[in-house]
Amino acid sequence: MKKILIFSLSYYPQFTSGAEAAIKEITDRIKPDDYEFHMVTNRYDSKIEKVEKIGNVLVHRIGITKKNPTFEDLGRLPLDINKPLYQFLAAWKALWLHRKYKYDGIWSMMAHSAGVPAAIFKIFNPKVSYILTLQEGDSPEYIEKTMKPLWPLFKRAFTSADIIQSISTFLSEWARKRNFEGPIELIHNGANPRDVAAVFDEQEIENLRKELGKKEGDIFLVNTARLVYQKATNITIQALKLLPENIKFIIVGGGDEVDMLKTLTKELDLEHRVVFVGKVDRSVVTNYRKAADIFVCPSRSEGLGNAFLSAMASKLPVIATQAGGIKEFLFDKKHNPDKTETGWVVDVDSPEQIAQAVKDILANPEKVARITNNAREMVLRKFNWDMVAKDMQEKVFNRVIK
């Protein structure tokens, strides 16, 4: 049995997003007899065990903690020290663990958050295979600017990898720009399995609608992505001002823009039309999509976009930009005349176009049915986790770990 050590800034049971979900969806589908997975990640919460088995991954936790931290606490002292500290503490922990477990490979989840410790480990263990997954949602320009203090090691995070797996062509191109000359495997993420399953309790969804304050005639827009600059949630709030009173916006998620978004909502006198749900577990986030009518996320940058794919799997009409990896699955007649339509494309930072797209969706139910059917069929065909896990094992792990 081969052993792989994963580097990930955070992991279950808290503070997870698409990258952490990808690790779990993949490792849960690979037989323990084939690969044994370990992980070095931040602990954050002092109540959580330092070592714990989650699914098929033995998790080793490090870093500064506090009791019952919130998502917003990650950006405040003392927990905000964990990200820079992780770059070196994770490398030290990995080297120490390697003496005991003798890993055959290391796997870094995202260059900007976990590539540096992998690069350091590789310096001391050049014969251990190094896999880098590119799943970044922030723009490469922003990432490179923030990584300047560690630039030599950040460059090695790319160049010392034995293979790179990217979730979009956009990120594959970034790897080449960072002078990676080895093999790149393009393997997309999958949609949330609960959205794909399309099996849900209608009464439970109806109860959620009532809990969210939905009245007869109301239309719910929803966004289930992190509340960070790249997601441009403020633009959707601005678009709401251009739409009728019966259109509401359900915001599901946490992030460092929560306070700013609440202030903007108050300034625009939209507090009665915007609901801040907060961070919810991935196991129930599907219910919020099912309770809504339209998914809106006008991202300024995106590695791929798990939330978009999951919304499509739930047959929600999707309004989004074509930033980054989104352009690989979101198509409309205007921007992609040669593609099957899967959504409504808007420009970055354009509340007017979002408002117009919402009006188009509400006015054309037959068009919506056709496009949402197209989108779901595409997701089922190209973005499912069984296929992703199979490709990761056969095209990535088996290829470099002998």
Foldseek 3Di string as FASTA:
>chain_A
DAEEEEEDADEPPDDDDDLRVLVQLQQLLDDVVVYQYEYEYADAAPVDDQWDDDRRYTYHHDDDYDHPDAQQCCCDPPNVVSQVVCLPVVLVVVVVVCVPPVHQAYEYRALLRGLLSQLSNCVVVVRRAYEYEHFDFDDPVVSQVVCVVVVVSSLSSLQSHQEYEYQFVLVVVVSVVSVHDHYYHHFHAAAQVVLLVLDDDPVVLVVVLVVVPQDPPAAEEEEAHEPDPQQPVVLQLVLVLVADPSYAYEYEEYDNCVVVSVVSCVVSVNPVRYHDPYYDGPVCVLSVLLNHAAYETAGNGGRADRRQLSSLSNLHAYEYACHHNPVVQADDCVVCVPDQHQHHHDHHSDSPSVNVRVVVCVVDVVVSNRNSVVSNVCSVVRHDSSVSSVCCVPVPVVVSRD
